[in-house]
Amino acid sequence: MALHETHKYDDIIDMPHHVSRRHPQMSRRQRAAQFMPFAALTGYERVIEQAACDAEAAVARADAVGDTDFGA
């Protein structure tokens, strides 16, 4: 795929950057906070850890009893 030179934005490319009079510029800290990851599923990791612990405990109980059919 060849790149083609375009002049679509020649009319605006050298214009000064717009600065709003109504909305003050955000600090870097505030801007960074908008893009920080967040915990959408609060407590999900805890549930997964508990499920893993329960599974390990079930395997240990089955081993202690001498279960050899592996749940089949």
C-alpha atoms as a PDB file:
ATOM      1  CA  MET A   1       0.000   0.000   0.000  1.00  0.00           C
ATOM      2  CA  ALA A   2       1.625   3.225  -1.134  1.00  0.00           C
ATOM      3  CA  LEU A   3       1.398   6.420   0.866  1.00  0.00           C
ATOM      4  CA  HIS A   4      -0.064   9.347  -1.023  1.00  0.00           C
ATOM      5  CA  GLU A   5       0.673  12.932  -0.148  1.00  0.00           C
ATOM      6  CA  THR A   6      -2.493  14.766   0.768  1.00  0.00           C
ATOM      7  CA  HIS A   7      -3.117  18.409   1.484  1.00  0.00           C
ATOM      8  CA  LYS A   8      -6.401  17.980   3.347  1.00  0.00           C
ATOM      9  CA  TYR A   9      -5.309  19.985   6.380  1.00  0.00           C
ATOM     10  CA  ASP A  10      -3.083  22.628   4.844  1.00  0.00           C
ATOM     11  CA  ASP A  11      -5.610  25.341   5.750  1.00  0.00           C
ATOM     12  CA  ILE A  12      -5.511  24.590   9.496  1.00  0.00           C
ATOM     13  CA  ILE A  13      -2.111  23.030  10.120  1.00  0.00           C
ATOM     14  CA  ASP A  14      -0.404  26.316  11.062  1.00  0.00           C
ATOM     15  CA  MET A  15      -3.234  27.761  13.137  1.00  0.00           C
ATOM     16  CA  PRO A  16      -2.559  28.437  16.835  1.00  0.00           C
ATOM     17  CA  HIS A  17      -3.793  25.880  19.363  1.00  0.00           C
ATOM     18  CA  HIS A  18      -7.244  26.709  20.741  1.00  0.00           C
ATOM     19  CA  VAL A  19      -7.435  27.650  24.426  1.00  0.00           C
ATOM     20  CA  SER A  20     -10.890  27.765  25.971  1.00  0.00           C
ATOM     21  CA  ARG A  21     -11.938  30.876  27.853  1.00  0.00           C
ATOM     22  CA  ARG A  22     -14.738  29.011  29.598  1.00  0.00           C
ATOM     23  CA  HIS A  23     -12.969  25.844  30.786  1.00  0.00           C
ATOM     24  CA  PRO A  24      -9.623  26.167  32.569  1.00  0.00           C
ATOM     25  CA  GLN A  25      -6.876  23.806  31.454  1.00  0.00           C
ATOM     26  CA  MET A  26      -6.628  20.622  33.517  1.00  0.00           C
ATOM     27  CA  SER A  27      -3.514  19.879  35.505  1.00  0.00           C
ATOM     28  CA  ARG A  28      -1.383  16.935  34.415  1.00  0.00           C
ATOM     29  CA  ARG A  29      -2.480  15.077  37.535  1.00  0.00           C
ATOM     30  CA  GLN A  30      -6.179  15.509  36.692  1.00  0.00           C
ATOM     31  CA  ARG A  31      -5.619  14.443  33.075  1.00  0.00           C
ATOM     32  CA  ALA A  32      -3.646  11.391  34.170  1.00  0.00           C
ATOM     33  CA  ALA A  33      -6.430  10.403  36.571  1.00  0.00           C
ATOM     34  CA  GLN A  34      -8.861  10.158  33.639  1.00  0.00           C
ATOM     35  CA  PHE A  35      -6.752   7.463  32.018  1.00  0.00           C
ATOM     36  CA  MET A  36      -5.757   5.448  35.080  1.00  0.00           C
ATOM     37  CA  PRO A  37      -7.002   1.884  35.247  1.00  0.00           C
ATOM     38  CA  PHE A  38      -9.870   1.266  37.616  1.00  0.00           C
ATOM     39  CA  ALA A  39     -11.326  -1.785  39.301  1.00  0.00           C
ATOM     40  CA  ALA A  40     -14.460  -2.376  37.243  1.00  0.00           C
ATOM     41  CA  LEU A  41     -15.058  -5.691  38.970  1.00  0.00           C
ATOM     42  CA  THR A  42     -14.432  -4.914  42.618  1.00  0.00           C
ATOM     43  CA  GLY A  43     -13.804  -8.111  44.546  1.00  0.00           C
ATOM     44  CA  TYR A  44     -13.384 -10.282  41.430  1.00  0.00           C
ATOM     45  CA  GLU A  45      -9.806 -11.250  42.284  1.00  0.00           C
ATOM     46  CA  ARG A  46     -10.898 -12.285  45.764  1.00  0.00           C
ATOM     47  CA  VAL A  47     -13.624 -14.530  44.305  1.00  0.00           C
ATOM     48  CA  ILE A  48     -11.149 -16.154  41.910  1.00  0.00           C
ATOM     49  CA  GLU A  49      -8.638 -16.730  44.719  1.00  0.00           C
ATOM     50  CA  GLN A  50     -11.360 -18.279  46.890  1.00  0.00           C
ATOM     51  CA  ALA A  51     -12.457 -20.561  44.037  1.00  0.00           C
ATOM     52  CA  ALA A  52      -8.848 -21.693  43.567  1.00  0.00           C
ATOM     53  CA  CYS A  53      -8.500 -22.396  47.290  1.00  0.00           C
ATOM     54  CA  ASP A  54     -11.777 -24.348  47.287  1.00  0.00           C
ATOM     55  CA  ALA A  55     -10.633 -26.406  44.294  1.00  0.00           C
ATOM     56  CA  GLU A  56      -7.288 -27.166  45.927  1.00  0.00           C
ATOM     57  CA  ALA A  57      -9.045 -28.180  49.139  1.00  0.00           C
ATOM     58  CA  ALA A  58     -11.398 -30.466  47.198  1.00  0.00           C
ATOM     59  CA  VAL A  59      -8.428 -32.133  45.478  1.00  0.00           C
ATOM     60  CA  ALA A  60      -6.681 -32.567  48.813  1.00  0.00           C
ATOM     61  CA  ARG A  61      -9.814 -34.126  50.347  1.00  0.00           C
ATOM     62  CA  ALA A  62     -10.186 -36.477  47.386  1.00  0.00           C
ATOM     63  CA  ASP A  63      -6.529 -37.481  47.657  1.00  0.00           C
ATOM     64  CA  ALA A  64      -6.913 -38.114  51.381  1.00  0.00           C
ATOM     65  CA  VAL A  65      -9.890 -40.409  50.800  1.00  0.00           C
ATOM     66  CA  GLY A  66      -8.135 -42.236  47.996  1.00  0.00           C
ATOM     67  CA  ASP A  67     -10.428 -41.131  45.190  1.00  0.00           C
ATOM     68  CA  THR A  68      -8.871 -42.309  41.928  1.00  0.00           C
ATOM     69  CA  ASP A  69     -11.618 -41.650  39.373  1.00  0.00           C
ATOM     70  CA  PHE A  70     -10.882 -37.911  39.301  1.00  0.00           C
ATOM     71  CA  GLY A  71     -14.541 -36.935  39.331  1.00  0.00           C
ATOM     72  CA  ALA A  72     -15.493 -39.031  36.315  1.00  0.00           C
END
